[in-house]
Amino acid sequence: MSDTATSEHSEPDTAAEHHDTEHAHPSDWAYVKIAVVLAVITALEVFTYFESVVDWGVALVPSLIFMMIVKFYLVATWFMHLRFDSKLFGRMFTAGLTLAVGVYLVTLTVFEFWV
């Protein structure tokens, strides 16, 4: 018997090597662009909520929810790397987001926010 252990397939030595073999990462510049887009959307959200020049009326909450969904999508796909993972993970995040928005809308309806 031999004292050396052999493996049928070679595996990366570190997690970083394993992770890099799965897919190519976006460049740092791509992350900077996404961060700028997120900052602009956040500024629009703050402006939409606090600006009294424009009367948003009933459109205020749906517009804020839409911007929230866009930001969630960008963060989940770029910074959490869901673009490169299994479609199952993307579906799970979509289901969670749908559930959260649904609960939020039901709560607003129960407390007669829309009236």
N, C-alpha and C. Protein backbone atom coordinates (compact mmCIF):
# COMPACT_ATOMS: atom_id res chain seq x y z
N MET A 1 0.83 -1.18 0.00
CA MET A 1 0.00 0.00 0.00
C MET A 1 0.87 1.24 0.00
N SER A 2 0.34 2.24 -0.58
CA SER A 2 1.08 3.50 -0.67
C SER A 2 0.57 4.47 0.37
N ASP A 3 1.46 5.28 0.91
CA ASP A 3 1.06 6.27 1.91
C ASP A 3 0.55 7.56 1.28
N THR A 4 0.70 7.73 0.00
CA THR A 4 0.25 8.96 -0.65
C THR A 4 -1.19 8.81 -1.09
N ALA A 5 -1.93 9.86 -0.89
CA ALA A 5 -3.34 9.87 -1.30
C ALA A 5 -3.44 10.52 -2.68
N THR A 6 -4.21 9.89 -3.53
CA THR A 6 -4.42 10.46 -4.85
C THR A 6 -5.88 10.82 -5.01
N SER A 7 -6.10 11.76 -5.86
CA SER A 7 -7.46 12.21 -6.11
C SER A 7 -7.79 11.96 -7.57
N GLU A 8 -9.04 11.65 -7.85
CA GLU A 8 -9.44 11.41 -9.22
C GLU A 8 -9.40 12.67 -10.06
N HIS A 9 -9.71 13.78 -9.46
CA HIS A 9 -9.68 15.05 -10.17
C HIS A 9 -9.00 16.09 -9.30
N SER A 10 -8.38 17.02 -9.96
CA SER A 10 -7.67 18.04 -9.19
C SER A 10 -8.64 19.16 -8.83
N GLU A 11 -8.59 19.56 -7.60
CA GLU A 11 -9.44 20.65 -7.13
C GLU A 11 -8.56 21.84 -6.81
N PRO A 12 -9.11 23.04 -6.93
CA PRO A 12 -8.33 24.23 -6.58
C PRO A 12 -7.90 24.18 -5.12
N ASP A 13 -6.73 24.73 -4.85
CA ASP A 13 -6.19 24.71 -3.49
C ASP A 13 -6.93 25.65 -2.56
N THR A 14 -7.39 26.77 -3.06
CA THR A 14 -8.06 27.74 -2.20
C THR A 14 -9.43 28.06 -2.74
N ALA A 15 -10.22 28.68 -1.89
CA ALA A 15 -11.57 29.07 -2.32
C ALA A 15 -11.50 30.13 -3.41
N ALA A 16 -10.52 31.01 -3.33
CA ALA A 16 -10.38 32.05 -4.34
C ALA A 16 -10.08 31.45 -5.71
N GLU A 17 -9.22 30.44 -5.75
CA GLU A 17 -8.93 29.79 -7.02
C GLU A 17 -10.16 29.09 -7.57
N HIS A 18 -10.91 28.45 -6.69
CA HIS A 18 -12.13 27.76 -7.11
C HIS A 18 -13.14 28.77 -7.64
N HIS A 19 -13.28 29.88 -6.96
CA HIS A 19 -14.26 30.88 -7.35
C HIS A 19 -13.90 31.50 -8.70
N ASP A 20 -12.62 31.73 -8.94
CA ASP A 20 -12.20 32.34 -10.19
C ASP A 20 -12.36 31.41 -11.38
N THR A 21 -12.34 30.11 -11.16
CA THR A 21 -12.49 29.19 -12.27
C THR A 21 -13.94 29.07 -12.71
N GLU A 22 -14.86 29.47 -11.88
CA GLU A 22 -16.28 29.36 -12.22
C GLU A 22 -16.69 30.36 -13.31
N HIS A 23 -16.27 31.60 -13.19
CA HIS A 23 -16.66 32.64 -14.13
C HIS A 23 -15.70 33.82 -14.02
N ALA A 24 -15.74 34.64 -15.03
CA ALA A 24 -14.91 35.84 -15.00
C ALA A 24 -15.65 36.94 -14.25
N HIS A 25 -14.95 37.59 -13.37
CA HIS A 25 -15.57 38.67 -12.61
C HIS A 25 -15.62 39.94 -13.44
N PRO A 26 -16.63 40.78 -13.21
CA PRO A 26 -16.64 42.08 -13.87
C PRO A 26 -15.46 42.92 -13.37
N SER A 27 -15.12 43.90 -14.14
CA SER A 27 -14.00 44.76 -13.76
C SER A 27 -14.40 45.67 -12.60
N ASP A 28 -13.40 46.26 -11.98
CA ASP A 28 -13.67 47.22 -10.90
C ASP A 28 -14.49 48.39 -11.42
N TRP A 29 -14.22 48.79 -12.65
CA TRP A 29 -14.95 49.91 -13.24
C TRP A 29 -16.45 49.59 -13.36
N ALA A 30 -16.80 48.35 -13.65
CA ALA A 30 -18.21 47.96 -13.73
C ALA A 30 -18.88 48.12 -12.38
N TYR A 31 -18.18 47.75 -11.31
CA TYR A 31 -18.73 47.92 -9.96
C TYR A 31 -18.89 49.39 -9.61
N VAL A 32 -17.96 50.21 -10.05
CA VAL A 32 -18.07 51.66 -9.79
C VAL A 32 -19.28 52.23 -10.52
N LYS A 33 -19.49 51.80 -11.77
CA LYS A 33 -20.65 52.29 -12.52
C LYS A 33 -21.96 51.87 -11.85
N ILE A 34 -22.04 50.63 -11.38
CA ILE A 34 -23.24 50.18 -10.69
C ILE A 34 -23.45 50.97 -9.40
N ALA A 35 -22.38 51.25 -8.67
CA ALA A 35 -22.49 52.04 -7.44
C ALA A 35 -22.99 53.44 -7.74
N VAL A 36 -22.55 54.03 -8.85
CA VAL A 36 -23.03 55.37 -9.23
C VAL A 36 -24.51 55.31 -9.58
N VAL A 37 -24.91 54.28 -10.32
CA VAL A 37 -26.34 54.13 -10.66
C VAL A 37 -27.17 53.98 -9.39
N LEU A 38 -26.70 53.18 -8.44
CA LEU A 38 -27.42 53.01 -7.17
C LEU A 38 -27.50 54.33 -6.41
N ALA A 39 -26.44 55.12 -6.43
CA ALA A 39 -26.45 56.42 -5.75
C ALA A 39 -27.44 57.37 -6.40
N VAL A 40 -27.52 57.35 -7.73
CA VAL A 40 -28.47 58.21 -8.43
C VAL A 40 -29.90 57.79 -8.11
N ILE A 41 -30.18 56.50 -8.11
CA ILE A 41 -31.53 56.03 -7.78
C ILE A 41 -31.88 56.39 -6.35
N THR A 42 -30.94 56.26 -5.43
CA THR A 42 -31.18 56.64 -4.03
C THR A 42 -31.47 58.13 -3.93
N ALA A 43 -30.72 58.95 -4.67
CA ALA A 43 -30.98 60.39 -4.67
C ALA A 43 -32.37 60.69 -5.22
N LEU A 44 -32.78 59.96 -6.26
CA LEU A 44 -34.14 60.14 -6.79
C LEU A 44 -35.20 59.75 -5.77
N GLU A 45 -34.94 58.68 -5.03
CA GLU A 45 -35.89 58.28 -3.99
C GLU A 45 -36.03 59.36 -2.93
N VAL A 46 -34.91 59.88 -2.47
CA VAL A 46 -34.95 60.93 -1.45
C VAL A 46 -35.64 62.17 -2.00
N PHE A 47 -35.31 62.55 -3.23
CA PHE A 47 -35.95 63.71 -3.85
C PHE A 47 -37.45 63.49 -3.99
N THR A 48 -37.83 62.29 -4.43
CA THR A 48 -39.25 61.98 -4.62
C THR A 48 -40.02 62.08 -3.31
N TYR A 49 -39.42 61.62 -2.23
CA TYR A 49 -40.11 61.61 -0.95
C TYR A 49 -40.16 62.99 -0.31
N PHE A 50 -39.07 63.73 -0.37
CA PHE A 50 -38.99 64.98 0.38
C PHE A 50 -39.34 66.23 -0.42
N GLU A 51 -39.31 66.18 -1.73
CA GLU A 51 -39.56 67.38 -2.53
C GLU A 51 -41.04 67.72 -2.51
N SER A 52 -41.35 68.94 -2.08
CA SER A 52 -42.75 69.36 -1.98
C SER A 52 -43.19 70.14 -3.21
N VAL A 53 -42.30 70.36 -4.18
CA VAL A 53 -42.66 71.10 -5.38
C VAL A 53 -43.62 70.28 -6.24
N VAL A 54 -43.35 68.99 -6.33
CA VAL A 54 -44.18 68.10 -7.14
C VAL A 54 -45.09 67.32 -6.20
N ASP A 55 -46.40 67.37 -6.49
CA ASP A 55 -47.35 66.59 -5.70
C ASP A 55 -47.53 65.23 -6.38
N TRP A 56 -46.93 64.20 -5.79
CA TRP A 56 -46.97 62.88 -6.38
C TRP A 56 -48.32 62.20 -6.17
N GLY A 57 -49.02 62.56 -5.13
CA GLY A 57 -50.31 61.95 -4.85
C GLY A 57 -50.21 60.45 -4.67
N VAL A 58 -51.06 59.72 -5.37
CA VAL A 58 -51.11 58.26 -5.26
C VAL A 58 -49.88 57.62 -5.90
N ALA A 59 -49.21 58.31 -6.79
CA ALA A 59 -48.06 57.74 -7.50
C ALA A 59 -46.80 57.68 -6.64
N LEU A 60 -46.81 58.29 -5.46
CA LEU A 60 -45.61 58.33 -4.62
C LEU A 60 -45.15 56.93 -4.22
N VAL A 61 -46.02 56.16 -3.62
CA VAL A 61 -45.63 54.83 -3.12
C VAL A 61 -45.25 53.89 -4.27
N PRO A 62 -46.05 53.80 -5.34
CA PRO A 62 -45.62 52.91 -6.43
C PRO A 62 -44.28 53.31 -7.05
N SER A 63 -44.02 54.60 -7.16
CA SER A 63 -42.73 55.02 -7.73
C SER A 63 -41.58 54.64 -6.79
N LEU A 64 -41.77 54.79 -5.49
CA LEU A 64 -40.74 54.39 -4.53
C LEU A 64 -40.53 52.87 -4.54
N ILE A 65 -41.62 52.12 -4.65
CA ILE A 65 -41.51 50.66 -4.70
C ILE A 65 -40.77 50.23 -5.97
N PHE A 66 -41.07 50.88 -7.09
CA PHE A 66 -40.37 50.55 -8.33
C PHE A 66 -38.87 50.80 -8.21
N MET A 67 -38.50 51.94 -7.64
CA MET A 67 -37.07 52.24 -7.47
C MET A 67 -36.42 51.26 -6.50
N MET A 68 -37.17 50.83 -5.48
CA MET A 68 -36.65 49.84 -4.54
C MET A 68 -36.37 48.52 -5.25
N ILE A 69 -37.28 48.11 -6.12
CA ILE A 69 -37.11 46.85 -6.85
C ILE A 69 -35.90 46.92 -7.78
N VAL A 70 -35.73 48.05 -8.45
CA VAL A 70 -34.58 48.21 -9.35
C VAL A 70 -33.28 48.12 -8.56
N LYS A 71 -33.23 48.78 -7.41
CA LYS A 71 -32.02 48.74 -6.58
C LYS A 71 -31.77 47.32 -6.05
N PHE A 72 -32.82 46.65 -5.62
CA PHE A 72 -32.68 45.27 -5.15
C PHE A 72 -32.11 44.39 -6.25
N TYR A 73 -32.63 44.53 -7.45
CA TYR A 73 -32.16 43.73 -8.58
C TYR A 73 -30.68 43.99 -8.86
N LEU A 74 -30.29 45.25 -8.89
CA LEU A 74 -28.90 45.59 -9.17
C LEU A 74 -27.96 45.04 -8.10
N VAL A 75 -28.33 45.20 -6.84
CA VAL A 75 -27.48 44.71 -5.75
C VAL A 75 -27.39 43.19 -5.79
N ALA A 76 -28.53 42.53 -5.98
CA ALA A 76 -28.53 41.06 -5.98
C ALA A 76 -27.76 40.49 -7.16
N THR A 77 -27.92 41.08 -8.33
CA THR A 77 -27.26 40.51 -9.50
C THR A 77 -25.78 40.85 -9.58
N TRP A 78 -25.40 42.04 -9.18
CA TRP A 78 -24.00 42.45 -9.32
C TRP A 78 -23.17 42.17 -8.07
N PHE A 79 -23.62 42.67 -6.93
CA PHE A 79 -22.79 42.56 -5.74
C PHE A 79 -22.93 41.21 -5.04
N MET A 80 -24.05 40.53 -5.24
CA MET A 80 -24.21 39.20 -4.66
C MET A 80 -23.93 38.12 -5.70
N HIS A 81 -23.55 38.52 -6.90
CA HIS A 81 -23.12 37.62 -7.97
C HIS A 81 -24.20 36.63 -8.40
N LEU A 82 -25.47 37.00 -8.32
CA LEU A 82 -26.52 36.08 -8.77
C LEU A 82 -26.52 35.90 -10.28
N ARG A 83 -25.89 36.80 -11.00
CA ARG A 83 -25.79 36.65 -12.45
C ARG A 83 -25.02 35.39 -12.81
N PHE A 84 -24.12 34.99 -11.94
CA PHE A 84 -23.23 33.87 -12.24
C PHE A 84 -23.66 32.58 -11.55
N ASP A 85 -24.61 32.66 -10.64
CA ASP A 85 -25.03 31.49 -9.88
C ASP A 85 -26.18 30.78 -10.58
N SER A 86 -26.64 29.75 -9.94
CA SER A 86 -27.76 28.96 -10.45
C SER A 86 -29.02 29.82 -10.56
N LYS A 87 -29.83 29.50 -11.55
CA LYS A 87 -31.09 30.22 -11.74
C LYS A 87 -32.01 30.05 -10.52
N LEU A 88 -31.83 28.97 -9.79
CA LEU A 88 -32.64 28.71 -8.60
C LEU A 88 -32.48 29.84 -7.58
N PHE A 89 -31.25 30.31 -7.39
CA PHE A 89 -31.02 31.38 -6.43
C PHE A 89 -31.71 32.67 -6.87
N GLY A 90 -31.68 32.96 -8.14
CA GLY A 90 -32.37 34.13 -8.66
C GLY A 90 -33.87 34.03 -8.46
N ARG A 91 -34.40 32.85 -8.67
CA ARG A 91 -35.85 32.65 -8.46
C ARG A 91 -36.21 32.79 -6.98
N MET A 92 -35.33 32.32 -6.11
CA MET A 92 -35.60 32.45 -4.67
C MET A 92 -35.61 33.92 -4.25
N PHE A 93 -34.67 34.70 -4.75
CA PHE A 93 -34.65 36.13 -4.43
C PHE A 93 -35.86 36.83 -5.02
N THR A 94 -36.27 36.44 -6.23
CA THR A 94 -37.46 37.04 -6.84
C THR A 94 -38.70 36.69 -6.02
N ALA A 95 -38.80 35.46 -5.56
CA ALA A 95 -39.94 35.07 -4.73
C ALA A 95 -39.95 35.85 -3.42
N GLY A 96 -38.80 36.03 -2.80
CA GLY A 96 -38.72 36.81 -1.57
C GLY A 96 -39.10 38.26 -1.78
N LEU A 97 -38.65 38.84 -2.87
CA LEU A 97 -39.00 40.23 -3.18
C LEU A 97 -40.49 40.36 -3.45
N THR A 98 -41.04 39.43 -4.21
CA THR A 98 -42.48 39.45 -4.49
C THR A 98 -43.29 39.33 -3.21
N LEU A 99 -42.88 38.44 -2.33
CA LEU A 99 -43.57 38.27 -1.05
C LEU A 99 -43.48 39.55 -0.22
N ALA A 100 -42.30 40.16 -0.16
CA ALA A 100 -42.12 41.38 0.63
C ALA A 100 -42.98 42.52 0.10
N VAL A 101 -43.00 42.71 -1.21
CA VAL A 101 -43.82 43.78 -1.79
C VAL A 101 -45.30 43.48 -1.57
N GLY A 102 -45.69 42.22 -1.71
CA GLY A 102 -47.09 41.85 -1.46
C GLY A 102 -47.52 42.13 -0.04
N VAL A 103 -46.69 41.76 0.93
CA VAL A 103 -47.00 42.02 2.34
C VAL A 103 -47.09 43.52 2.59
N TYR A 104 -46.17 44.27 2.01
CA TYR A 104 -46.17 45.72 2.17
C TYR A 104 -47.45 46.33 1.61
N LEU A 105 -47.86 45.91 0.42
CA LEU A 105 -49.08 46.44 -0.19
C LEU A 105 -50.33 46.04 0.60
N VAL A 106 -50.37 44.81 1.09
CA VAL A 106 -51.51 44.38 1.90
C VAL A 106 -51.58 45.20 3.18
N THR A 107 -50.44 45.44 3.81
CA THR A 107 -50.41 46.24 5.04
C THR A 107 -50.90 47.65 4.77
N LEU A 108 -50.47 48.25 3.67
CA LEU A 108 -50.94 49.60 3.33
C LEU A 108 -52.45 49.60 3.08
N THR A 109 -52.95 48.55 2.45
CA THR A 109 -54.38 48.47 2.18
C THR A 109 -55.17 48.28 3.47
N VAL A 110 -54.69 47.43 4.37
CA VAL A 110 -55.39 47.18 5.63
C VAL A 110 -55.50 48.46 6.46
N PHE A 111 -54.46 49.26 6.44
CA PHE A 111 -54.48 50.51 7.21
C PHE A 111 -55.02 51.68 6.40
N GLU A 112 -55.72 51.37 5.31
CA GLU A 112 -56.43 52.35 4.48
C GLU A 112 -55.53 53.48 4.01
N PHE A 113 -54.33 53.13 3.58
CA PHE A 113 -53.40 54.12 3.05
C PHE A 113 -53.89 54.70 1.74
N TRP A 114 -54.55 53.90 0.93
CA TRP A 114 -54.95 54.31 -0.42
C TRP A 114 -56.19 55.19 -0.43
N VAL A 115 -56.89 55.29 0.68
CA VAL A 115 -58.15 56.05 0.71
C VAL A 115 -57.89 57.52 0.87
